[in-house]
Amino acid sequence: MNGLIILAAYAGDVFSEVVKEPWVLEGKDRLSMKTMNALGWLAYEERQTLDRLLAHPAISDGITGDEARALTVLLGAARSNPSLVDKLLDHPAISDGVTGDEAKVLTVLRSAVQYNPPLVDVLLDPDQVMLEERTVALPLAGDVDLTMIRTKPGMERNMDLLEDAVLAIEEFMSSPFPASQVIWLFERALRPGANGANFGTHVVTVPEYYDVPSTIKSPFRHFIHEAAHHYWRDNSANWIDEGAATFLETVIESRATGWPMAMERQPCPSARHIAEDSEGDCDYRFGERIFHDLYRNMDETAFRLAFRRLYLLSQYDDLNDGCDGVALSICHVRAAFMADIPADAAATVEKVIARWYDGSEPFDTSHQDTSAPDPVIPFMDGRVERAWVSDGPVPITNKAYPGSRLDFNIEYSCQEESLCQRMLPLTIIHYSEGDGFNFNPRHYEGESLSFSLEGHRWHLQRVSDDRYRQRFRLGSYASGGPEGRYWVYAYLGGQKIAEVPYEIGRLPLP
């Protein structure tokens, strides 16, 4: 507790009061530690600002859980943007103290201050802010409060998805969910180019992506990923944190929906293994693959015990694991996954780790779905006549190159007129010969309308009396994956109705 030590040294009067607070005596979560560290910093650097904060009605009547959150935000603002502190302390919304709802809004100001300062005034105006709240009883952690904050209406289903995500994550981790409150802001208050981020105190999601109707990307994955970062955040190499969170979204979504498992991202184009990726450009891609490869090569019970053990190693320093500290590394992965398993299982684990960490073992390409497609579409009384990959409307006959727009096209017969112009409810995934994994799942829900999001579009064309053609935009993956051979698989429920190979090449240097 470095913050408390500094506080005792430089502000003994404050220290003697703070240590009486329940959130200090009982709280060992990241929020309490952040608050205490911020108190210590201000006591050393900005004692006058600290005195003003502690005299404010939001704090002076006692620091409960809500006030502790408010104090954390105010302390962070004092450290990074002193001029904002005066604005916050004098704002009518909190000048007379902080209610529970106001404390939750204050919590999300941290990201607004950093990435979208004009949003601060909007969030402090109660007439412009909507809160949706629910308490979920978790088997291990007990009651956890869920709060969604919006400045415009969003999707009601998202609270259900968040509840399902939190329950499923705790069940898989077999360790109490490490937060008593999950606060989720739907706004543009994160770094440019990001769709969502977990800041520890709260999560931010760009509403255009996951707070709207979507027939393409599963929003459940997003809620699983960001909620999983309450376990996997700021405690390890980035490929471990991001890989673990992305692995959980893959497994939990597949369990909940029955959809085929598929990695979220295409293979890494710039490196073949983790140790080679010195810039961390492919942390997500390598991280999710190493955990998924361990999962499919281990008994599930053994994997989950090891996965939980790895998480616990980030919470305390096991002096017997042969690894330094709690900042997780490849050493901790080996220690967690090779403990208490038979020699043959340990050899398999070591082989998988070597495959992804240093490339000393070849990739496993034995999991490709080589079954023949069944082209029948029963509910339309039709069948797939042909399928192909194109660059927009132009078929790719040789190779796709950087900048190519990959679309999946399917032409089918249909006898049920009322259903012929509905979007086919497909799951479309890719397979890479290069590393042996399915990736980039797209799930289409069957609406009878054209839909566009993130540059992805579905298109329907009638080509004859009983024949129709649909085109699904897959993105410009030629610029994001390595050279090699790929396949697109289309599933209707659990039935593979089409597969199309394509190849990615590289343009020669000028």
Protein backbone atom coordinates (compact mmCIF):
# COMPACT_ATOMS: atom_id res chain seq x y z
CA MET A 1 0.00 0.00 0.00
CA ASN A 2 2.52 2.64 -1.12
CA GLY A 3 -0.17 5.32 -1.16
CA LEU A 4 -0.92 4.87 2.53
CA ILE A 5 2.78 4.94 3.41
CA ILE A 6 3.26 8.24 1.57
CA LEU A 7 0.08 9.58 3.13
CA ALA A 8 1.32 8.73 6.60
CA ALA A 9 4.66 10.41 5.93
CA TYR A 10 3.38 13.65 4.41
CA ALA A 11 -0.18 14.06 5.73
CA GLY A 12 -0.48 12.29 9.05
CA ASP A 13 -3.74 14.03 9.92
CA VAL A 14 -5.35 12.79 6.72
CA PHE A 15 -3.87 9.33 7.21
CA SER A 16 -5.34 8.98 10.71
CA GLU A 17 -8.82 9.66 9.32
CA VAL A 18 -8.55 7.67 6.11
CA VAL A 19 -7.44 4.45 7.76
CA LYS A 20 -10.73 4.36 9.68
CA GLU A 21 -12.75 4.13 6.49
CA PRO A 22 -14.30 0.71 5.68
CA TRP A 23 -13.13 0.87 2.07
CA VAL A 24 -9.56 1.05 3.36
CA LEU A 25 -9.91 -1.52 6.13
CA GLU A 26 -11.78 -4.04 3.97
CA GLY A 27 -11.11 -3.07 0.39
CA LYS A 28 -8.29 -4.74 -1.50
CA ASP A 29 -9.66 -4.18 -4.98
CA ARG A 30 -8.02 -2.04 -7.63
CA LEU A 31 -10.37 0.87 -6.95
CA SER A 32 -9.29 1.13 -3.32
CA MET A 33 -5.62 0.86 -4.24
CA LYS A 34 -5.95 3.51 -6.96
CA THR A 35 -7.67 5.83 -4.49
CA MET A 36 -5.02 5.36 -1.82
CA ASN A 37 -2.17 5.80 -4.28
CA ALA A 38 -3.77 8.99 -5.58
CA LEU A 39 -4.19 10.27 -2.01
CA GLY A 40 -0.53 9.61 -1.34
CA TRP A 41 0.56 11.40 -4.51
CA LEU A 42 -1.49 14.51 -3.71
CA ALA A 43 -0.28 14.55 -0.12
CA TYR A 44 3.27 14.72 -1.44
CA GLU A 45 2.80 16.94 -4.51
CA GLU A 46 -0.39 18.98 -4.04
CA ARG A 47 -1.34 19.15 -0.36
CA GLN A 48 -3.45 22.29 -0.89
CA THR A 49 -5.51 20.58 -3.58
CA LEU A 50 -5.93 17.53 -1.35
CA ASP A 51 -7.22 19.68 1.51
CA ARG A 52 -9.75 21.31 -0.79
CA LEU A 53 -10.95 17.96 -2.05
CA LEU A 54 -11.37 16.51 1.42
CA ALA A 55 -13.34 19.59 2.55
CA HIS A 56 -15.79 19.28 -0.35
CA PRO A 57 -19.33 18.07 0.54
CA ALA A 58 -18.84 15.17 -1.84
CA ILE A 59 -16.20 13.79 0.51
CA SER A 60 -16.34 15.47 3.91
CA ASP A 61 -19.32 13.54 5.30
CA GLY A 62 -17.51 10.23 5.01
CA ILE A 63 -16.10 8.16 2.18
CA THR A 64 -18.52 5.36 1.38
CA GLY A 65 -18.21 3.18 -1.72
CA ASP A 66 -19.81 5.81 -3.95
CA GLU A 67 -17.74 8.64 -2.50
CA ALA A 68 -14.59 6.54 -2.86
CA ARG A 69 -15.30 6.28 -6.59
CA ALA A 70 -15.97 10.01 -6.79
CA LEU A 71 -12.78 10.71 -4.87
CA THR A 72 -10.77 8.49 -7.23
CA VAL A 73 -12.02 10.49 -10.21
CA LEU A 74 -11.40 13.84 -8.53
CA LEU A 75 -7.96 12.76 -7.41
CA GLY A 76 -7.10 11.61 -10.92
CA ALA A 77 -8.32 14.90 -12.34
CA ALA A 78 -6.25 16.81 -9.80
CA ARG A 79 -3.19 14.92 -10.92
CA SER A 80 -3.68 15.16 -14.69
CA ASN A 81 -5.77 18.30 -15.18
CA PRO A 82 -5.80 20.65 -12.15
CA SER A 83 -8.00 23.23 -13.90
CA LEU A 84 -10.71 20.61 -14.27
CA VAL A 85 -10.82 20.04 -10.51
CA ASP A 86 -12.12 23.55 -9.86
CA LYS A 87 -14.72 23.07 -12.57
CA LEU A 88 -15.86 19.78 -11.07
CA LEU A 89 -15.92 20.95 -7.47
CA ASP A 90 -17.94 24.04 -8.36
CA HIS A 91 -20.36 22.27 -10.68
CA PRO A 92 -23.98 22.45 -9.45
CA ALA A 93 -24.42 18.71 -9.98
CA ILE A 94 -21.98 17.84 -7.18
CA SER A 95 -21.37 21.07 -5.23
CA ASP A 96 -23.76 19.89 -2.50
CA GLY A 97 -22.43 16.35 -2.34
CA VAL A 98 -22.49 13.24 -4.49
CA THR A 99 -25.38 10.82 -4.82
CA GLY A 100 -24.86 7.23 -5.89
CA ASP A 101 -25.89 7.99 -9.49
CA GLU A 102 -23.65 11.07 -9.62
CA ALA A 103 -20.72 9.03 -8.34
CA LYS A 104 -21.20 6.56 -11.19
CA VAL A 105 -21.21 9.38 -13.74
CA LEU A 106 -18.13 10.90 -12.11
CA THR A 107 -16.40 7.56 -12.49
CA VAL A 108 -16.60 7.68 -16.29
CA LEU A 109 -15.32 11.26 -16.48
CA ARG A 110 -11.77 9.99 -16.42
CA SER A 111 -11.95 8.75 -20.00
CA ALA A 112 -14.05 11.75 -21.12
CA VAL A 113 -11.42 14.15 -19.76
CA GLN A 114 -8.67 12.28 -21.57
CA TYR A 115 -10.31 11.62 -24.92
CA ASN A 116 -13.39 13.84 -25.30
CA PRO A 117 -13.33 16.93 -23.01
CA PRO A 118 -16.56 18.50 -24.42
CA LEU A 119 -18.37 15.39 -23.18
CA VAL A 120 -17.70 16.37 -19.55
CA ASP A 121 -20.41 19.05 -19.53
CA VAL A 122 -22.88 16.66 -21.15
CA LEU A 123 -22.24 13.93 -18.57
CA LEU A 124 -22.60 16.40 -15.68
CA ASP A 125 -26.02 17.49 -16.94
CA PRO A 126 -28.59 15.08 -15.41
CA ASP A 127 -31.10 16.00 -18.12
CA GLN A 128 -28.79 14.56 -20.78
CA VAL A 129 -27.78 11.34 -19.05
CA MET A 130 -29.69 8.07 -18.80
CA LEU A 131 -28.77 5.28 -16.37
CA GLU A 132 -29.90 1.68 -16.65
CA GLU A 133 -29.16 -0.43 -13.58
CA ARG A 134 -29.41 -4.04 -12.51
CA THR A 135 -27.99 -6.20 -9.74
CA VAL A 136 -26.86 -9.72 -10.62
CA ALA A 137 -26.29 -12.38 -7.95
CA LEU A 138 -23.11 -14.24 -8.86
CA PRO A 139 -22.51 -17.68 -7.30
CA LEU A 140 -18.99 -16.79 -6.10
CA ALA A 141 -18.80 -12.99 -5.84
CA GLY A 142 -22.32 -12.35 -4.58
CA ASP A 143 -24.21 -9.25 -5.70
CA VAL A 144 -22.59 -7.22 -8.48
CA ASP A 145 -24.19 -3.96 -9.60
CA LEU A 146 -24.37 -3.34 -13.36
CA THR A 147 -24.82 0.21 -14.63
CA MET A 148 -25.08 1.42 -18.22
CA ILE A 149 -24.71 5.15 -18.89
CA ARG A 150 -25.95 6.69 -22.12
CA THR A 151 -26.56 10.12 -23.58
CA LYS A 152 -29.04 8.77 -26.11
CA PRO A 153 -31.29 5.69 -26.24
CA GLY A 154 -29.63 2.35 -26.91
CA MET A 155 -30.42 -1.34 -27.12
CA GLU A 156 -32.28 -2.84 -24.14
CA ARG A 157 -30.79 -6.26 -24.91
CA ASN A 158 -27.32 -5.05 -23.93
CA MET A 159 -28.00 -5.24 -20.20
CA ASP A 160 -29.06 -8.88 -20.68
CA LEU A 161 -25.89 -9.53 -22.66
CA LEU A 162 -23.75 -7.95 -19.95
CA GLU A 163 -25.43 -10.00 -17.23
CA ASP A 164 -24.97 -13.18 -19.26
CA ALA A 165 -21.33 -12.28 -19.89
CA VAL A 166 -20.49 -11.64 -16.23
CA LEU A 167 -22.19 -14.87 -15.13
CA ALA A 168 -20.48 -16.96 -17.83
CA ILE A 169 -17.04 -15.46 -17.21
CA GLU A 170 -17.16 -16.11 -13.47
CA GLU A 171 -18.37 -19.66 -14.08
CA PHE A 172 -15.53 -20.39 -16.50
CA MET A 173 -12.88 -18.71 -14.33
CA SER A 174 -14.09 -20.48 -11.14
CA SER A 175 -12.90 -17.43 -9.20
CA PRO A 176 -15.06 -14.63 -7.77
CA PHE A 177 -15.71 -11.80 -10.21
CA PRO A 178 -13.16 -9.18 -9.07
CA ALA A 179 -15.45 -6.12 -9.04
CA SER A 180 -18.55 -5.29 -7.05
CA GLN A 181 -19.73 -2.86 -9.71
CA VAL A 182 -19.49 -2.74 -13.51
CA ILE A 183 -20.08 0.70 -15.00
CA TRP A 184 -20.45 0.87 -18.79
CA LEU A 185 -20.48 4.14 -20.75
CA PHE A 186 -21.74 4.23 -24.33
CA GLU A 187 -19.94 7.24 -25.76
CA ARG A 188 -16.91 8.30 -27.79
CA ALA A 189 -14.54 8.60 -24.86
CA LEU A 190 -11.60 6.40 -25.81
CA ARG A 191 -8.61 6.49 -28.12
CA PRO A 192 -9.30 7.02 -31.83
CA GLY A 193 -9.81 3.79 -33.73
CA ALA A 194 -10.91 1.76 -30.70
CA ASN A 195 -14.44 0.38 -30.36
CA GLY A 196 -14.25 -0.30 -26.63
CA ALA A 197 -11.90 -0.28 -23.65
CA ASN A 198 -11.87 -1.33 -20.00
CA PHE A 199 -10.37 1.42 -17.82
CA GLY A 200 -10.53 -0.61 -14.63
CA THR A 201 -13.06 1.70 -12.99
CA HIS A 202 -15.41 1.53 -15.97
CA VAL A 203 -15.82 0.36 -19.55
CA VAL A 204 -16.40 2.60 -22.58
CA THR A 205 -18.01 1.45 -25.82
CA VAL A 206 -18.53 3.46 -28.99
CA PRO A 207 -22.33 3.23 -29.35
CA GLU A 208 -22.32 3.14 -33.16
CA TYR A 209 -20.93 -0.39 -33.05
CA TYR A 210 -22.64 -2.25 -30.24
CA ASP A 211 -25.60 -0.16 -29.06
CA VAL A 212 -27.46 -0.48 -32.36
CA PRO A 213 -29.16 -3.35 -34.22
CA SER A 214 -26.52 -5.53 -35.87
CA THR A 215 -26.84 -8.51 -38.15
CA ILE A 216 -23.12 -9.00 -38.62
CA LYS A 217 -20.88 -8.85 -35.56
CA SER A 218 -22.06 -10.57 -32.40
CA PRO A 219 -22.33 -7.89 -29.67
CA PHE A 220 -22.10 -10.66 -27.06
CA ARG A 221 -18.42 -11.06 -27.89
CA HIS A 222 -17.77 -7.41 -27.10
CA PHE A 223 -19.42 -7.59 -23.69
CA ILE A 224 -17.56 -10.80 -22.82
CA HIS A 225 -14.21 -9.33 -23.87
CA GLU A 226 -14.44 -6.06 -21.97
CA ALA A 227 -16.01 -7.65 -18.87
CA ALA A 228 -13.26 -10.30 -18.91
CA HIS A 229 -10.72 -7.51 -18.54
CA HIS A 230 -11.84 -7.15 -14.93
CA TYR A 231 -9.78 -10.33 -14.48
CA TRP A 232 -7.21 -9.77 -17.20
CA ARG A 233 -5.98 -6.20 -17.06
CA ASP A 234 -2.72 -4.41 -16.28
CA ASN A 235 -1.19 -7.50 -14.74
CA SER A 236 0.76 -9.19 -17.51
CA ALA A 237 2.26 -9.06 -20.96
CA ASN A 238 -0.35 -7.58 -23.29
CA TRP A 239 -0.62 -10.77 -25.35
CA ILE A 240 -1.67 -12.59 -22.18
CA ASP A 241 -4.27 -10.00 -21.10
CA GLU A 242 -5.74 -9.55 -24.56
CA GLY A 243 -5.37 -13.19 -25.49
CA ALA A 244 -7.17 -14.38 -22.35
CA ALA A 245 -10.04 -11.91 -22.81
CA THR A 246 -10.41 -12.78 -26.49
CA PHE A 247 -10.21 -16.51 -25.77
CA LEU A 248 -13.06 -16.17 -23.28
CA GLU A 249 -15.25 -14.38 -25.81
CA THR A 250 -14.65 -17.16 -28.34
CA VAL A 251 -15.45 -20.04 -25.99
CA ILE A 252 -18.37 -18.44 -24.16
CA GLU A 253 -20.07 -17.24 -27.34
CA SER A 254 -19.77 -20.70 -28.92
CA ARG A 255 -21.23 -22.35 -25.81
CA ALA A 256 -24.13 -19.91 -25.66
CA THR A 257 -25.07 -19.94 -29.33
CA GLY A 258 -23.86 -23.25 -30.75
CA TRP A 259 -21.94 -21.33 -33.43
CA PRO A 260 -18.61 -22.84 -34.57
CA MET A 261 -15.59 -21.60 -32.63
CA ALA A 262 -13.52 -19.09 -34.57
CA MET A 263 -10.74 -16.69 -33.66
CA GLU A 264 -11.80 -13.05 -33.72
CA ARG A 265 -8.85 -11.94 -35.85
CA GLN A 266 -6.95 -13.14 -38.90
CA PRO A 267 -3.39 -14.52 -38.58
CA CYS A 268 -0.52 -12.12 -37.92
CA PRO A 269 0.98 -10.79 -41.17
CA SER A 270 4.23 -9.48 -39.66
CA ALA A 271 5.49 -12.26 -37.37
CA ARG A 272 5.22 -16.03 -37.04
CA HIS A 273 5.32 -16.24 -33.23
CA ILE A 274 5.05 -14.16 -30.06
CA ALA A 275 8.78 -13.71 -29.41
CA GLU A 276 9.25 -12.42 -32.94
CA ASP A 277 6.49 -9.82 -32.53
CA SER A 278 8.75 -7.24 -30.85
CA GLU A 279 6.35 -4.33 -31.49
CA GLY A 280 3.31 -6.18 -30.12
CA ASP A 281 1.37 -5.62 -33.34
CA CYS A 282 -0.28 -9.04 -33.04
CA ASP A 283 -0.86 -9.39 -29.29
CA TYR A 284 -4.55 -10.15 -29.76
CA ARG A 285 -3.95 -12.60 -32.61
CA PHE A 286 -1.19 -14.62 -30.97
CA GLY A 287 -2.72 -14.44 -27.49
CA GLU A 288 -6.11 -15.85 -28.44
CA ARG A 289 -4.50 -18.61 -30.52
CA ILE A 290 -2.11 -19.90 -27.86
CA PHE A 291 -4.91 -20.17 -25.28
CA HIS A 292 -7.29 -21.73 -27.76
CA ASP A 293 -4.61 -24.21 -28.89
CA LEU A 294 -4.00 -25.19 -25.26
CA TYR A 295 -7.75 -25.54 -24.76
CA ARG A 296 -8.23 -27.91 -27.68
CA ASN A 297 -5.20 -30.01 -26.70
CA MET A 298 -5.99 -30.38 -22.99
CA ASP A 299 -8.72 -31.98 -20.96
CA GLU A 300 -11.22 -29.18 -20.24
CA THR A 301 -11.02 -29.56 -16.48
CA ALA A 302 -7.21 -29.44 -16.58
CA PHE A 303 -7.28 -26.40 -18.85
CA ARG A 304 -9.68 -24.47 -16.64
CA LEU A 305 -7.65 -25.24 -13.52
CA ALA A 306 -4.52 -24.00 -15.29
CA PHE A 307 -6.26 -20.89 -16.67
CA ARG A 308 -7.52 -20.01 -13.19
CA ARG A 309 -4.06 -20.71 -11.75
CA LEU A 310 -2.55 -18.28 -14.25
CA TYR A 311 -4.99 -15.58 -13.19
CA LEU A 312 -4.22 -16.18 -9.51
CA LEU A 313 -0.50 -15.85 -10.23
CA SER A 314 -1.25 -12.26 -11.25
CA GLN A 315 -2.77 -11.63 -7.82
CA TYR A 316 0.01 -12.96 -5.59
CA ASP A 317 3.65 -13.91 -6.00
CA ASP A 318 4.05 -17.68 -5.75
CA LEU A 319 7.62 -18.14 -4.56
CA ASN A 320 7.59 -21.73 -5.81
CA ASP A 321 6.65 -21.08 -9.47
CA GLY A 322 10.19 -20.10 -10.55
CA CYS A 323 8.92 -16.81 -12.01
CA ASP A 324 9.51 -13.24 -10.89
CA GLY A 325 6.65 -11.21 -9.43
CA VAL A 326 3.03 -11.02 -10.53
CA ALA A 327 3.51 -9.38 -13.92
CA LEU A 328 2.64 -12.42 -15.99
CA SER A 329 5.07 -13.65 -18.62
CA ILE A 330 5.68 -16.80 -20.63
CA CYS A 331 7.31 -18.20 -17.47
CA HIS A 332 4.01 -17.92 -15.61
CA VAL A 333 2.10 -19.50 -18.50
CA ARG A 334 4.40 -22.52 -18.38
CA ALA A 335 4.17 -22.71 -14.58
CA ALA A 336 0.38 -22.53 -14.59
CA PHE A 337 -0.29 -24.97 -17.41
CA MET A 338 2.37 -27.56 -16.60
CA ALA A 339 1.67 -27.90 -12.89
CA ASP A 340 0.11 -31.11 -11.57
CA ILE A 341 -0.42 -32.85 -14.92
CA PRO A 342 0.96 -36.17 -16.24
CA ALA A 343 4.22 -36.20 -18.18
CA ASP A 344 2.55 -36.87 -21.54
CA ALA A 345 0.12 -33.98 -21.02
CA ALA A 346 3.01 -31.72 -20.00
CA ALA A 347 4.84 -32.63 -23.21
CA THR A 348 1.76 -31.63 -25.22
CA VAL A 349 1.50 -28.31 -23.38
CA GLU A 350 5.17 -27.57 -23.97
CA LYS A 351 4.74 -28.33 -27.66
CA VAL A 352 1.81 -25.91 -27.96
CA ILE A 353 3.66 -23.17 -26.08
CA ALA A 354 6.75 -23.65 -28.26
CA ARG A 355 4.58 -23.45 -31.38
CA TRP A 356 3.26 -20.01 -30.50
CA TYR A 357 5.97 -18.48 -28.37
CA ASP A 358 9.20 -19.11 -30.24
CA GLY A 359 8.12 -21.00 -33.35
CA SER A 360 10.19 -24.10 -32.59
CA GLU A 361 7.20 -26.37 -33.28
CA PRO A 362 5.10 -26.36 -36.48
CA PHE A 363 1.51 -25.13 -36.57
CA ASP A 364 -1.22 -27.76 -36.30
CA THR A 365 -3.39 -27.75 -39.42
CA SER A 366 -5.29 -30.94 -38.61
CA HIS A 367 -8.46 -29.18 -37.44
CA GLN A 368 -9.64 -27.94 -40.81
CA ASP A 369 -13.27 -28.78 -41.60
CA THR A 370 -12.72 -30.97 -44.66
CA SER A 371 -16.27 -32.30 -44.74
CA ALA A 372 -18.10 -31.91 -48.05
CA PRO A 373 -20.66 -29.08 -48.11
CA ASP A 374 -24.34 -30.03 -48.07
CA PRO A 375 -25.84 -27.41 -50.42
CA VAL A 376 -29.50 -27.97 -49.49
CA ILE A 377 -31.37 -24.99 -47.96
CA PRO A 378 -34.44 -26.74 -46.51
CA PHE A 379 -36.52 -23.78 -45.32
CA MET A 380 -36.41 -22.24 -48.83
CA ASP A 381 -36.90 -25.54 -50.60
CA GLY A 382 -33.73 -24.64 -52.49
CA ARG A 383 -30.03 -25.34 -52.78
CA VAL A 384 -26.72 -23.56 -53.27
CA GLU A 385 -25.86 -23.49 -56.96
CA ARG A 386 -22.46 -21.83 -56.66
CA ALA A 387 -20.34 -19.72 -54.31
CA TRP A 388 -17.25 -17.56 -54.83
CA VAL A 389 -15.04 -14.83 -53.32
CA SER A 390 -14.86 -11.49 -55.10
CA ASP A 391 -13.28 -8.05 -54.88
CA GLY A 392 -16.57 -6.19 -54.79
CA PRO A 393 -18.55 -7.49 -57.78
CA VAL A 394 -15.44 -8.84 -59.55
CA PRO A 395 -14.57 -12.53 -58.89
CA ILE A 396 -11.04 -13.17 -57.60
CA THR A 397 -9.64 -15.74 -59.99
CA ASN A 398 -5.99 -15.73 -58.92
CA LYS A 399 -4.87 -13.91 -55.75
CA ALA A 400 -6.14 -11.17 -53.50
CA TYR A 401 -3.66 -8.36 -52.88
CA PRO A 402 -3.42 -5.57 -50.29
CA GLY A 403 -6.43 -3.30 -50.66
CA SER A 404 -8.67 -5.98 -52.15
CA ARG A 405 -12.19 -5.94 -50.74
CA LEU A 406 -13.17 -9.51 -49.98
CA ASP A 407 -16.84 -10.37 -50.47
CA PHE A 408 -18.47 -13.79 -50.14
CA ASN A 409 -21.05 -14.51 -52.85
CA ILE A 410 -23.62 -17.25 -52.84
CA GLU A 411 -26.18 -18.06 -55.55
CA TYR A 412 -29.09 -20.35 -54.71
CA SER A 413 -32.42 -21.62 -55.97
CA CYS A 414 -35.55 -20.92 -53.96
CA GLN A 415 -39.13 -22.19 -54.27
CA GLU A 416 -40.71 -20.52 -51.20
CA GLU A 417 -41.53 -17.05 -52.53
CA SER A 418 -42.21 -15.52 -49.12
CA LEU A 419 -38.72 -16.49 -47.94
CA CYS A 420 -36.68 -16.03 -51.10
CA GLN A 421 -35.66 -12.46 -50.37
CA ARG A 422 -34.66 -12.92 -46.76
CA MET A 423 -31.05 -12.66 -45.79
CA LEU A 424 -29.70 -16.17 -45.33
CA PRO A 425 -29.08 -16.71 -41.58
CA LEU A 426 -25.48 -17.76 -42.12
CA THR A 427 -22.37 -18.05 -40.01
CA ILE A 428 -19.42 -17.23 -42.26
CA ILE A 429 -15.87 -17.94 -41.09
CA HIS A 430 -12.41 -18.11 -42.63
CA TYR A 431 -9.79 -20.80 -42.26
CA SER A 432 -6.06 -20.18 -42.61
CA GLU A 433 -3.75 -22.87 -43.91
CA GLY A 434 -0.92 -20.82 -42.41
CA ASP A 435 -1.73 -21.41 -38.75
CA GLY A 436 -4.61 -23.90 -38.76
CA PHE A 437 -7.34 -21.75 -37.21
CA ASN A 438 -10.79 -20.58 -38.14
CA PHE A 439 -11.09 -16.81 -37.79
CA ASN A 440 -13.21 -13.72 -38.36
CA PRO A 441 -16.73 -15.06 -37.65
CA ARG A 442 -19.70 -13.21 -39.15
CA HIS A 443 -23.20 -14.07 -38.03
CA TYR A 444 -26.17 -12.98 -40.11
CA GLU A 445 -29.57 -13.14 -38.46
CA GLY A 446 -31.90 -13.36 -41.45
CA GLU A 447 -33.53 -9.92 -41.66
CA SER A 448 -35.10 -9.06 -45.01
CA LEU A 449 -33.32 -5.72 -45.41
CA SER A 450 -29.99 -4.42 -46.57
CA PHE A 451 -27.70 -3.63 -43.66
CA SER A 452 -24.46 -1.67 -43.48
CA LEU A 453 -22.07 -1.24 -40.55
CA GLU A 454 -18.31 -0.69 -40.31
CA GLY A 455 -18.15 -0.80 -44.11
CA HIS A 456 -19.77 -4.26 -44.21
CA ARG A 457 -22.82 -4.70 -46.43
CA TRP A 458 -25.23 -7.40 -47.38
CA HIS A 459 -26.70 -7.31 -50.87
CA LEU A 460 -29.50 -9.33 -52.55
CA GLN A 461 -30.12 -9.69 -56.26
CA ARG A 462 -32.72 -11.74 -58.14
CA VAL A 463 -31.04 -13.28 -61.17
CA SER A 464 -33.91 -15.40 -62.59
CA ASP A 465 -37.39 -16.60 -61.71
CA ASP A 466 -36.22 -18.97 -59.00
CA ARG A 467 -32.59 -18.00 -58.52
CA TYR A 468 -31.14 -15.40 -56.13
CA ARG A 469 -27.68 -14.10 -55.32
CA GLN A 470 -26.47 -12.65 -52.04
CA ARG A 471 -23.18 -10.90 -51.36
CA PHE A 472 -21.70 -10.49 -47.88
CA ARG A 473 -18.85 -8.05 -47.38
CA LEU A 474 -16.02 -9.61 -45.38
CA GLY A 475 -13.61 -6.67 -45.29
CA SER A 476 -10.18 -5.94 -46.74
CA TYR A 477 -8.44 -8.91 -45.19
CA ALA A 478 -5.84 -9.11 -47.93
CA SER A 479 -4.12 -6.21 -46.19
CA GLY A 480 -4.34 -7.80 -42.75
CA GLY A 481 -3.28 -11.41 -43.15
CA PRO A 482 -0.10 -13.18 -44.28
CA GLU A 483 0.42 -14.69 -47.71
CA GLY A 484 -1.05 -18.11 -48.24
CA ARG A 485 -4.16 -20.15 -48.89
CA TYR A 486 -7.47 -19.49 -47.14
CA TRP A 487 -11.02 -20.80 -47.23
CA VAL A 488 -14.39 -19.24 -46.54
CA TYR A 489 -16.93 -21.59 -44.96
CA ALA A 490 -20.67 -20.82 -44.82
CA TYR A 491 -22.78 -22.61 -42.21
CA LEU A 492 -26.55 -22.73 -41.89
CA GLY A 493 -26.90 -23.73 -38.26
CA GLY A 494 -24.50 -26.67 -37.95
CA GLN A 495 -24.67 -27.50 -41.66
CA LYS A 496 -21.83 -26.40 -43.93
CA ILE A 497 -23.57 -25.36 -47.14
CA ALA A 498 -20.59 -23.88 -49.05
CA GLU A 499 -16.83 -23.47 -49.01
CA VAL A 500 -14.63 -21.32 -51.25
CA PRO A 501 -10.81 -21.23 -51.37
CA TYR A 502 -8.86 -18.06 -52.10
CA GLU A 503 -5.23 -16.99 -51.90
CA ILE A 504 -3.55 -13.88 -50.54
CA GLY A 505 -0.41 -12.67 -52.25
CA ARG A 506 1.91 -9.71 -51.94
CA LEU A 507 2.51 -7.16 -54.65
CA PRO A 508 6.17 -7.06 -55.78
CA LEU A 509 8.24 -4.12 -54.56
CA PRO A 510 8.65 -1.34 -57.17
